């Protein structure tokens, strides 16, 4: 829910925030380029045969050294899939290791495994001993092969069966046709580079390429597709300095309520300008290279000036950047989106909007109730209780707000709620009309207060005194008559007023 009140306690400047730090990794996922490079495999059993086949598929020159060689290895040597496989029937020696890109060992006992690993490290060769991660520099994970699109999955040896299950899930999600699209990307990359496009335009090309691949994965792309993608750059603003602004709704707080289009916008952003109400979990969806800048507004607290935000959006877009203006809730409802859109248009900056799940929608889901009802509510109305001066707006229509056939949603009501309730009752609203206040809707710290219109203001004050915090939303109307504490899903904390 985006704040719409005045900047009452002094301005603050937009400021860049640090990148989210990477959580600890059990293993670093890397992809070795092995085309034409020598790889040593010491051991001749079936596990060694599978690793040799994998290495050959990656284009390596595989040398197998073993005193005893299984039938699978002999068959592989006679019909290798890509890189050649040669077999030397003898024991391995330390002199075999220098010059190898990597070394793989297959040994039955710990002592032999440790001796091979030590010899490989002494020769400066990264080593893997099959099924012995304690003496290995790297491990093999489960693989989804749509080469040149390759997905590797590792559980650091903790749960191989789980890793296989994840691989099967990803296999089902990635159409086999992605292989052709990934190959086309590899083939076309040089042509894209040779056009001398600016970073923004190159990114726009590959974003459109990815969107087309996701839409039509089961047919191979052709030169007509490439020509159409380049033509789109020229007709849709992909010129070198063609920055843009996208207003994106972050939803009420739960990152799982982000739309797919919002995620795609965040993942293509060069700069993200975000409000205080946007959680870190949502910012994690932005690509790591994107610059993230806090331009937040806090009710009755330090806030960035709207004029400064407008100017910053335009300045960044004119630099050729794709700017995402990330707003809590739905940006087109009390989110100052109109001012920002008008400023971008006046400056000639392309602007678009990605809607978000609104805070009332999030509240309805948490209350497990409909905001409309054939018997109780034929109208749904949104209103702000916070004007430019921080007080209750003077032009509110209390007859409409007291309509017993409507459900009313009140944004930003905390400071003005007593005045609002007093005016509603004076306009004839039934004191027993069901009412709900929700703090931090859909977030882990969410708190729900169930009351009536007459008791709501006092109940909210008690909740704040007890520690309720975060953005507050008020809903009232007879459609809420069936809201019950016991129906609220975890982790909502509820109280009756």
Protein backbone atom coordinates (compact mmCIF):
# COMPACT_ATOMS: atom_id res chain seq x y z
CA UNK A 1 0.00 0.00 0.00
CA UNK A 2 1.67 3.20 -1.16
CA UNK A 3 1.52 6.29 0.99
CA UNK A 4 -0.34 9.27 -0.45
CA UNK A 5 0.03 11.86 2.27
CA UNK A 6 2.23 14.89 2.57
CA UNK A 7 5.93 14.98 3.26
CA UNK A 8 5.28 16.38 6.73
CA UNK A 9 8.45 15.75 8.73
CA UNK A 10 11.11 17.03 6.39
CA UNK A 11 12.52 15.60 3.19
CA UNK A 12 15.09 12.91 2.72
CA UNK A 13 17.07 12.32 -0.43
CA UNK A 14 16.82 9.19 -2.57
CA UNK A 15 19.66 6.92 -1.61
CA UNK A 16 21.21 3.84 -3.09
CA UNK A 17 21.00 0.71 -0.99
CA UNK A 18 23.49 -2.13 -1.00
CA UNK A 19 23.08 -5.31 -2.97
CA UNK A 20 21.65 -8.24 -1.07
CA UNK A 21 24.50 -10.47 0.02
CA UNK A 22 24.65 -13.99 -1.31
CA UNK A 23 23.65 -16.60 1.24
CA UNK A 24 26.33 -19.22 2.03
CA UNK A 25 26.86 -21.83 -0.68
CA UNK A 26 27.69 -25.44 0.10
CA UNK A 27 29.30 -25.70 -3.36
CA UNK A 28 30.12 -23.13 -6.03
CA UNK A 29 28.28 -24.06 -9.24
CA UNK A 30 30.69 -23.77 -12.16
CA UNK A 31 30.68 -25.08 -15.72
CA UNK A 32 34.02 -26.35 -17.04
CA UNK A 33 34.81 -25.80 -20.71
CA UNK A 34 36.39 -29.13 -21.65
CA UNK A 35 36.23 -29.09 -25.46
CA UNK A 36 39.46 -30.74 -26.72
CA UNK A 37 41.08 -30.78 -23.27
CA UNK A 38 42.66 -33.84 -21.69
CA UNK A 39 40.84 -35.38 -18.71
CA UNK A 40 42.15 -38.32 -16.67
CA UNK A 41 39.87 -41.04 -15.31
CA UNK A 42 41.54 -43.49 -12.94
CA UNK A 43 39.38 -46.59 -12.49
CA UNK A 44 37.53 -48.95 -14.75
CA UNK A 45 34.21 -49.72 -13.07
CA UNK A 46 30.66 -48.71 -14.07
CA UNK A 47 30.75 -45.43 -12.07
CA UNK A 48 33.91 -44.49 -14.00
CA UNK A 49 32.17 -45.41 -17.26
CA UNK A 50 29.30 -42.99 -16.54
CA UNK A 51 31.71 -40.17 -15.71
CA UNK A 52 33.74 -40.89 -18.85
CA UNK A 53 30.58 -40.72 -20.96
CA UNK A 54 29.66 -37.38 -19.37
CA UNK A 55 33.14 -35.98 -20.01
CA UNK A 56 33.10 -37.17 -23.61
CA UNK A 57 29.72 -35.49 -24.12
CA UNK A 58 31.38 -32.24 -22.97
CA UNK A 59 34.03 -32.66 -25.69
CA UNK A 60 36.95 -33.74 -23.49
CA UNK A 61 39.74 -36.08 -24.61
CA UNK A 62 39.17 -38.76 -21.99
CA UNK A 63 42.04 -41.01 -20.93
CA UNK A 64 40.95 -43.97 -18.82
CA UNK A 65 43.71 -45.70 -16.84
CA UNK A 66 42.77 -48.88 -14.99
CA UNK A 67 44.09 -52.39 -14.45
CA UNK A 68 40.58 -53.81 -14.91
CA UNK A 69 38.11 -52.23 -17.37
CA UNK A 70 34.37 -52.98 -17.50
CA UNK A 71 32.45 -53.72 -20.72
CA UNK A 72 30.65 -50.34 -20.66
CA UNK A 73 33.96 -48.52 -20.91
CA UNK A 74 35.15 -50.64 -23.82
CA UNK A 75 31.86 -49.96 -25.66
CA UNK A 76 32.15 -46.24 -24.92
CA UNK A 77 35.71 -46.13 -26.31
CA UNK A 78 34.44 -47.69 -29.54
CA UNK A 79 31.55 -45.23 -29.94
CA UNK A 80 32.17 -42.05 -27.94
CA UNK A 81 29.42 -39.44 -28.22
CA UNK A 82 31.70 -36.43 -28.80
CA UNK A 83 35.22 -36.31 -27.37
CA UNK A 84 37.45 -39.39 -27.88
CA UNK A 85 37.86 -41.99 -25.11
CA UNK A 86 41.12 -43.95 -24.92
CA UNK A 87 41.87 -46.80 -22.49
CA UNK A 88 45.20 -47.75 -20.93
CA UNK A 89 45.13 -51.10 -19.13
CA UNK A 90 47.51 -50.49 -16.24
CA UNK A 91 47.68 -48.81 -12.84
CA UNK A 92 47.80 -45.03 -12.75
CA UNK A 93 50.99 -43.13 -11.84
CA UNK A 94 51.59 -39.62 -10.56
CA UNK A 95 53.24 -38.79 -13.89
CA UNK A 96 49.83 -39.27 -15.61
CA UNK A 97 48.32 -36.22 -13.88
CA UNK A 98 50.27 -33.13 -15.04
CA UNK A 99 48.54 -31.33 -17.91
CA UNK A 100 45.09 -32.77 -17.21
CA UNK A 101 42.21 -30.27 -16.99
CA UNK A 102 40.55 -32.33 -14.26
CA UNK A 103 41.02 -35.79 -12.76
CA UNK A 104 38.38 -38.35 -11.79
CA UNK A 105 39.07 -41.33 -9.55
CA UNK A 106 37.02 -44.45 -8.90
CA UNK A 107 38.37 -46.40 -5.93
CA UNK A 108 36.89 -48.89 -3.49
CA UNK A 109 39.01 -48.05 -0.43
CA UNK A 110 39.67 -44.78 1.39
CA UNK A 111 43.46 -45.06 1.25
CA UNK A 112 43.57 -45.36 -2.55
CA UNK A 113 41.10 -42.48 -2.91
CA UNK A 114 43.14 -40.24 -0.62
CA UNK A 115 46.41 -41.10 -2.39
CA UNK A 116 44.93 -40.23 -5.82
CA UNK A 117 43.44 -36.96 -4.55
CA UNK A 118 46.77 -35.94 -2.99
CA UNK A 119 48.66 -36.71 -6.20
CA UNK A 120 46.18 -34.68 -8.27
CA UNK A 121 46.48 -31.67 -5.98
CA UNK A 122 50.27 -31.92 -6.04
CA UNK A 123 50.05 -31.69 -9.84
CA UNK A 124 47.67 -28.70 -9.61
CA UNK A 125 44.76 -30.64 -11.09
CA UNK A 126 41.19 -30.30 -9.67
CA UNK A 127 40.08 -33.74 -8.53
CA UNK A 128 36.87 -35.64 -7.93
CA UNK A 129 36.81 -39.07 -6.34
CA UNK A 130 33.46 -40.72 -7.04
CA UNK A 131 31.21 -40.96 -3.94
CA UNK A 132 33.93 -39.49 -1.71
CA UNK A 133 33.19 -35.76 -1.35
CA UNK A 134 35.50 -35.43 1.66
CA UNK A 135 38.59 -35.82 -0.56
CA UNK A 136 37.13 -34.14 -3.68
CA UNK A 137 37.65 -30.58 -4.89
CA UNK A 138 34.36 -30.69 -6.79
CA UNK A 139 31.37 -32.97 -7.19
CA UNK A 140 29.00 -33.91 -9.99
CA UNK A 141 25.33 -33.04 -9.60
CA UNK A 142 22.18 -34.05 -11.40
CA UNK A 143 21.95 -32.56 -14.90
CA UNK A 144 19.15 -31.30 -17.10
CA UNK A 145 20.53 -31.29 -20.64
CA UNK A 146 19.13 -28.86 -23.20
CA UNK A 147 22.64 -28.03 -24.38
CA UNK A 148 23.84 -25.37 -24.78
CA UNK A 149 21.27 -24.73 -22.02
CA UNK A 150 22.48 -26.88 -19.12
CA UNK A 151 21.09 -26.97 -15.57
CA UNK A 152 23.15 -28.49 -12.75
CA UNK A 153 21.65 -29.49 -9.39
CA UNK A 154 23.57 -30.25 -6.23
CA UNK A 155 22.60 -31.16 -2.67
CA UNK A 156 26.27 -31.32 -1.60
CA UNK A 157 25.89 -35.07 -1.28
CA UNK A 158 23.27 -34.71 1.45
CA UNK A 159 20.28 -36.03 -0.50
CA UNK A 160 21.04 -37.38 -3.99
CA UNK A 161 17.52 -38.80 -4.36
CA UNK A 162 16.08 -35.37 -3.61
CA UNK A 163 18.38 -33.87 -6.22
CA UNK A 164 17.12 -36.40 -8.76
CA UNK A 165 13.53 -35.51 -7.89
CA UNK A 166 14.28 -31.83 -8.46
CA UNK A 167 15.95 -32.70 -11.76
CA UNK A 168 12.82 -34.58 -12.87
CA UNK A 169 10.68 -31.57 -11.98
CA UNK A 170 12.89 -29.21 -13.97
CA UNK A 171 12.99 -31.67 -16.89
CA UNK A 172 9.19 -31.48 -17.03
CA UNK A 173 9.24 -27.67 -16.95
CA UNK A 174 11.86 -27.19 -19.68
CA UNK A 175 10.58 -28.18 -23.13
CA UNK A 176 13.06 -30.10 -25.24
CA UNK A 177 12.71 -27.37 -27.86
CA UNK A 178 14.69 -25.03 -25.62
CA UNK A 179 17.78 -26.76 -27.00
CA UNK A 180 17.19 -25.18 -30.42
CA UNK A 181 16.51 -21.74 -28.94
CA UNK A 182 19.64 -21.87 -26.81
CA UNK A 183 21.68 -22.90 -29.86
CA UNK A 184 20.18 -20.02 -31.84
CA UNK A 185 21.20 -17.61 -29.08
CA UNK A 186 24.74 -18.91 -29.28
CA UNK A 187 24.75 -18.57 -33.09
CA UNK A 188 23.15 -15.12 -33.21
CA UNK A 189 25.22 -13.52 -30.44
CA UNK A 190 27.98 -12.41 -32.82
CA UNK A 191 25.47 -10.74 -35.14
CA UNK A 192 23.94 -8.86 -32.21
CA UNK A 193 27.39 -7.70 -31.09
CA UNK A 194 28.36 -6.55 -34.58
CA UNK A 195 25.39 -4.19 -34.76
CA UNK A 196 27.08 -1.97 -32.18
CA UNK A 197 23.97 -1.69 -30.01
CA UNK A 198 24.09 0.02 -26.63
CA UNK A 199 23.67 -2.10 -23.52
CA UNK A 200 19.99 -1.20 -23.19
CA UNK A 201 19.22 -2.21 -26.78
CA UNK A 202 21.15 -5.49 -26.52
CA UNK A 203 19.25 -6.37 -23.37
CA UNK A 204 15.97 -5.49 -25.06
CA UNK A 205 16.84 -7.84 -27.92
CA UNK A 206 17.54 -10.77 -25.60
CA UNK A 207 14.48 -10.06 -23.46
CA UNK A 208 12.30 -10.29 -26.55
CA UNK A 209 14.20 -13.39 -27.65
CA UNK A 210 13.53 -15.06 -24.28
CA UNK A 211 9.85 -14.09 -24.36
CA UNK A 212 9.49 -15.62 -27.81
CA UNK A 213 11.27 -18.81 -26.76
CA UNK A 214 8.99 -19.17 -23.75
CA UNK A 215 5.92 -18.62 -25.91
CA UNK A 216 6.91 -20.94 -28.76
CA UNK A 217 9.37 -23.44 -27.29
CA UNK A 218 8.50 -26.39 -29.50
CA UNK A 219 9.57 -24.97 -32.84
CA UNK A 220 13.12 -24.07 -33.82
CA UNK A 221 13.77 -20.37 -34.45
CA UNK A 222 14.84 -19.24 -37.91
CA UNK A 223 16.22 -16.16 -39.67
CA UNK A 224 12.72 -14.66 -39.88
CA UNK A 225 12.62 -14.62 -36.08
CA UNK A 226 15.97 -12.87 -35.89
CA UNK A 227 14.91 -10.26 -38.44
CA UNK A 228 11.66 -9.65 -36.57
CA UNK A 229 13.52 -9.17 -33.29
CA UNK A 230 15.86 -6.60 -34.83
CA UNK A 231 12.91 -4.83 -36.46
CA UNK A 232 11.18 -4.65 -33.06
CA UNK A 233 14.19 -2.82 -31.65
CA UNK A 234 13.82 -0.14 -34.29
CA UNK A 235 10.05 0.27 -33.97
CA UNK A 236 9.59 -0.18 -30.21
CA UNK A 237 12.20 2.13 -28.78
CA UNK A 238 15.24 -0.12 -28.57
CA UNK A 239 17.54 2.65 -29.74
CA UNK A 240 20.83 3.11 -27.86
CA UNK A 241 19.52 5.86 -25.56
CA UNK A 242 15.93 4.66 -25.26
CA UNK A 243 15.45 4.30 -21.52
CA UNK A 244 12.03 3.73 -19.99
CA UNK A 245 10.10 3.69 -16.74
CA UNK A 246 7.91 0.86 -15.51
CA UNK A 247 5.63 1.38 -12.53
CA UNK A 248 5.40 -2.01 -10.83
CA UNK A 249 2.99 -3.04 -8.10
CA UNK A 250 4.80 -5.03 -5.42
CA UNK A 251 1.58 -6.26 -3.83
CA UNK A 252 0.72 -5.96 -0.14
CA UNK A 253 3.85 -7.64 1.18
CA UNK A 254 3.93 -11.39 0.61
CA UNK A 255 6.52 -11.95 -2.16
CA UNK A 256 4.52 -14.93 -3.46
CA UNK A 257 1.78 -12.48 -4.48
CA UNK A 258 4.02 -10.84 -7.08
CA UNK A 259 2.73 -11.28 -10.63
CA UNK A 260 4.88 -13.02 -13.22
CA UNK A 261 5.03 -9.78 -15.20
CA UNK A 262 6.29 -7.94 -12.12
CA UNK A 263 9.04 -10.53 -11.66
CA UNK A 264 10.07 -10.19 -15.31
CA UNK A 265 10.20 -6.39 -14.97
CA UNK A 266 12.40 -6.65 -11.87
CA UNK A 267 14.71 -9.12 -13.58
CA UNK A 268 15.21 -6.77 -16.53
CA UNK A 269 15.66 -3.56 -14.50
CA UNK A 270 18.82 -1.48 -14.54
CA UNK A 271 17.61 0.61 -11.58
CA UNK A 272 14.91 -0.10 -9.00
CA UNK A 273 13.42 2.87 -7.13
CA UNK A 274 11.48 1.39 -4.22
CA UNK A 275 9.32 2.50 -1.31
CA UNK A 276 9.77 1.77 2.39
CA UNK A 277 6.84 -0.63 2.27
CA UNK A 278 8.60 -2.96 -0.18
CA UNK A 279 10.17 -5.92 1.61
CA UNK A 280 13.67 -7.25 1.06
CA UNK A 281 12.21 -10.57 -0.10
CA UNK A 282 10.58 -8.76 -3.03
CA UNK A 283 13.76 -6.85 -3.89
CA UNK A 284 15.53 -10.22 -4.12
CA UNK A 285 13.64 -10.82 -7.38
CA UNK A 286 15.53 -7.96 -9.05
CA UNK A 287 18.65 -8.97 -10.91
CA UNK A 288 21.72 -8.65 -8.72
CA UNK A 289 23.40 -6.12 -11.02
CA UNK A 290 20.51 -3.65 -10.77
CA UNK A 291 21.08 -0.49 -8.73
CA UNK A 292 18.54 -0.29 -5.91
CA UNK A 293 17.56 3.09 -4.51
CA UNK A 294 15.25 3.80 -1.59
CA UNK A 295 12.90 6.67 -2.39
CA UNK A 296 10.43 5.91 0.35
CA UNK A 297 7.70 7.86 2.02
CA UNK A 298 6.71 7.19 5.60
CA UNK A 299 3.54 8.53 7.10
CA UNK A 300 4.39 11.43 9.42
CA UNK A 301 8.10 10.62 9.03
CA UNK A 302 11.03 11.63 6.81
CA UNK A 303 10.06 11.27 3.16
CA UNK A 304 11.59 11.81 -0.24
CA UNK A 305 9.99 14.69 -2.12
CA UNK A 306 7.75 13.58 -4.97
CA UNK A 307 9.37 16.14 -7.28
CA UNK A 308 12.78 14.60 -6.56
CA UNK A 309 11.49 11.12 -7.37
CA UNK A 310 9.93 12.34 -10.62
CA UNK A 311 13.16 14.06 -11.66
CA UNK A 312 15.27 11.02 -10.77
CA UNK A 313 13.11 8.67 -12.85
CA UNK A 314 13.42 10.89 -15.91
CA UNK A 315 17.15 11.47 -15.44
CA UNK A 316 17.90 7.74 -15.20
CA UNK A 317 15.68 6.90 -18.18
CA UNK A 318 17.40 9.57 -20.29
CA UNK A 319 20.69 7.84 -19.52
CA UNK A 320 19.29 4.82 -21.36
CA UNK A 321 18.36 2.84 -18.25
CA UNK A 322 15.33 0.68 -17.70
CA UNK A 323 13.87 2.07 -14.48
CA UNK A 324 11.45 0.11 -12.32
CA UNK A 325 9.47 2.27 -9.90
CA UNK A 326 8.46 -0.36 -7.35
CA UNK A 327 5.46 0.53 -5.21
CA UNK A 328 3.73 -1.36 -2.43
CA UNK A 329 0.28 -2.71 -3.30
CA UNK A 330 -1.30 -1.54 -6.54
CA UNK A 331 0.41 1.60 -7.91
CA UNK A 332 -2.76 2.99 -9.51
CA UNK A 333 -4.62 3.17 -6.18
CA UNK A 334 -3.42 6.00 -3.91
CA UNK A 335 0.12 5.46 -5.12
CA UNK A 336 0.81 8.83 -6.78
CA UNK A 337 1.12 6.97 -10.06
CA UNK A 338 -0.75 9.72 -11.91
CA UNK A 339 1.89 12.33 -11.00
CA UNK A 340 4.76 10.07 -12.02
CA UNK A 341 3.13 9.04 -15.31
CA UNK A 342 2.41 12.67 -16.20
CA UNK A 343 6.00 13.69 -15.45
CA UNK A 344 7.43 10.90 -17.63
CA UNK A 345 5.11 11.75 -20.52
CA UNK A 346 5.96 15.44 -20.29
CA UNK A 347 9.65 14.51 -20.55
CA UNK A 348 9.06 12.16 -23.49
CA UNK A 349 10.06 9.07 -21.49
CA UNK A 350 8.18 5.85 -22.33
CA UNK A 351 6.22 4.66 -19.30
CA UNK A 352 4.16 1.56 -18.63
CA UNK A 353 2.40 0.02 -15.64
CA UNK A 354 2.52 -3.50 -14.23
CA UNK A 355 -0.41 -3.86 -11.82
CA UNK A 356 0.00 -5.49 -8.43
CA UNK A 357 -2.27 -7.31 -6.03
CA UNK A 358 -3.91 -4.48 -4.09
CA UNK A 359 -3.89 -4.32 -0.30
CA UNK A 360 -7.69 -4.79 -0.13
CA UNK A 361 -7.36 -7.94 -2.21
CA UNK A 362 -4.64 -9.18 0.13
CA UNK A 363 -6.84 -8.32 3.11
CA UNK A 364 -9.82 -10.19 1.67
CA UNK A 365 -7.65 -13.27 1.16
CA UNK A 366 -6.40 -13.12 4.75
CA UNK A 367 -9.90 -12.56 6.13
CA UNK A 368 -11.19 -15.42 3.95
CA UNK A 369 -14.18 -13.34 2.95
CA UNK A 370 -15.55 -11.62 -0.12
CA UNK A 371 -15.70 -7.82 -0.17
CA UNK A 372 -18.89 -7.95 -2.22
CA UNK A 373 -22.09 -9.87 -1.47
CA UNK A 374 -25.40 -10.14 -3.32
CA UNK A 375 -27.32 -9.49 -0.11
CA UNK A 376 -25.00 -7.09 1.73
CA UNK A 377 -22.66 -5.20 -0.60
CA UNK A 378 -23.39 -4.22 -4.19
CA UNK A 379 -20.65 -1.62 -4.24
CA UNK A 380 -16.98 -1.50 -3.27
CA UNK A 381 -15.37 1.88 -2.58
CA UNK A 382 -11.82 2.95 -1.78
CA UNK A 383 -11.01 6.14 0.09
CA UNK A 384 -7.94 7.73 1.65
CA UNK A 385 -8.13 9.15 5.17
CA UNK A 386 -4.95 11.17 4.67
CA UNK A 387 -4.88 14.46 2.73
CA UNK A 388 -1.88 16.55 1.65
CA UNK A 389 -1.79 18.27 5.03
CA UNK A 390 -1.80 14.93 6.89
CA UNK A 391 -5.37 15.43 8.10
CA UNK A 392 -8.72 13.89 7.15
CA UNK A 393 -9.69 15.10 3.65
CA UNK A 394 -12.30 17.87 3.85
CA UNK A 395 -14.27 16.78 0.79
CA UNK A 396 -15.22 13.23 1.83
CA UNK A 397 -18.83 12.28 1.02
CA UNK A 398 -20.02 10.80 4.32
CA UNK A 399 -23.40 9.88 2.90
CA UNK A 400 -21.67 7.60 0.40
CA UNK A 401 -19.23 6.35 3.03
CA UNK A 402 -22.18 5.46 5.30
CA UNK A 403 -23.99 3.48 2.60
CA UNK A 404 -25.04 0.21 4.22
CA UNK A 405 -25.06 -1.50 0.80
CA UNK A 406 -21.34 -0.85 0.26
CA UNK A 407 -18.05 -2.25 1.51
CA UNK A 408 -15.62 0.59 2.19
CA UNK A 409 -11.83 0.31 2.27
CA UNK A 410 -9.93 3.12 4.00
CA UNK A 411 -6.26 3.68 3.21
CA UNK A 412 -3.84 5.30 5.68
CA UNK A 413 -6.35 5.79 8.53
CA UNK A 414 -4.23 5.53 11.68
CA UNK A 415 -3.99 9.19 12.72
CA UNK A 416 -7.39 10.29 11.42
CA UNK A 417 -9.49 7.25 12.35
CA UNK A 418 -11.23 8.82 15.41
CA UNK A 419 -12.38 11.79 13.29
CA UNK A 420 -13.49 9.49 10.48
CA UNK A 421 -15.56 7.31 12.82
CA UNK A 422 -17.15 10.34 14.47
CA UNK A 423 -18.21 11.75 11.10
CA UNK A 424 -19.55 8.40 9.91
CA UNK A 425 -21.72 7.99 12.97
CA UNK A 426 -22.95 11.56 12.63
CA UNK A 427 -23.95 10.77 9.03
CA UNK A 428 -26.16 7.93 10.22
CA UNK A 429 -23.89 4.89 9.94
CA UNK A 430 -25.06 2.02 12.13
CA UNK A 431 -22.64 1.78 15.10
CA UNK A 432 -22.74 -2.03 14.94
CA UNK A 433 -21.55 -2.18 11.31
CA UNK A 434 -18.78 -4.84 11.14
CA UNK A 435 -15.29 -3.37 10.80
CA UNK A 436 -11.76 -4.75 10.50
CA UNK A 437 -8.35 -3.10 10.76
CA UNK A 438 -5.31 -4.95 9.42
CA UNK A 439 -1.67 -4.03 10.04
CA UNK A 440 1.03 -5.31 7.66
CA UNK A 441 -1.41 -7.40 5.64
CA UNK A 442 -0.01 -10.69 4.22
CA UNK A 443 3.29 -10.24 6.07
CA UNK A 444 4.60 -12.42 8.91
CA UNK A 445 3.94 -9.61 11.43
CA UNK A 446 0.32 -9.18 10.26
CA UNK A 447 -2.22 -8.27 12.96
CA UNK A 448 -6.00 -8.25 12.51
CA UNK A 449 -8.44 -6.33 14.73
CA UNK A 450 -12.10 -7.33 14.43
CA UNK A 451 -14.53 -4.73 15.77
CA UNK A 452 -17.52 -2.56 14.86
CA UNK A 453 -17.41 0.93 13.43
CA UNK A 454 -18.22 2.37 16.88
CA UNK A 455 -15.44 0.47 18.67
CA UNK A 456 -12.83 0.43 15.90
CA UNK A 457 -10.83 3.57 16.75
CA UNK A 458 -10.33 2.56 20.37
CA UNK A 459 -9.44 -1.01 19.35
CA UNK A 460 -6.80 0.25 16.90
CA UNK A 461 -5.29 2.50 19.56
CA UNK A 462 -5.00 -0.46 21.94
CA UNK A 463 -3.39 -2.55 19.19
CA UNK A 464 -0.80 0.15 18.46
CA UNK A 465 -0.03 0.48 22.16
CA UNK A 466 0.46 -3.30 22.24
CA UNK A 467 3.00 -3.16 19.40
CA UNK A 468 0.99 -3.39 16.15
CA UNK A 469 3.02 -1.71 13.43
CA UNK A 470 3.29 -1.31 9.71
CA UNK A 471 0.81 0.01 7.15
CA UNK A 472 -2.79 -0.10 8.35
CA UNK A 473 -5.90 -0.75 6.28
CA UNK A 474 -9.50 -0.42 7.53
CA UNK A 475 -12.48 -2.17 5.99
CA UNK A 476 -16.11 -1.90 7.08
CA UNK A 477 -19.50 -3.02 5.83
CA UNK A 478 -22.03 -5.80 6.30
CA UNK A 479 -20.20 -8.08 3.85
CA UNK A 480 -17.66 -8.53 6.68
CA UNK A 481 -20.24 -9.86 9.13
CA UNK A 482 -18.95 -13.44 8.86
CA UNK A 483 -15.28 -12.66 9.51
CA UNK A 484 -14.18 -14.79 12.46
CA UNK A 485 -10.89 -15.11 14.32
CA UNK A 486 -10.90 -18.88 13.97
CA UNK A 487 -11.11 -18.64 10.17
CA UNK A 488 -7.98 -16.53 9.79
CA UNK A 489 -5.02 -18.40 8.28
CA UNK A 490 -1.65 -18.48 10.04
CA UNK A 491 0.38 -16.42 10.73
CA UNK A 492 -2.26 -13.71 11.30
CA UNK A 493 -2.54 -12.52 14.89
CA UNK A 494 -6.10 -11.45 15.61
CA UNK A 495 -7.94 -9.61 18.32
CA UNK A 496 -11.50 -8.45 18.86
CA UNK A 497 -12.22 -4.83 19.60
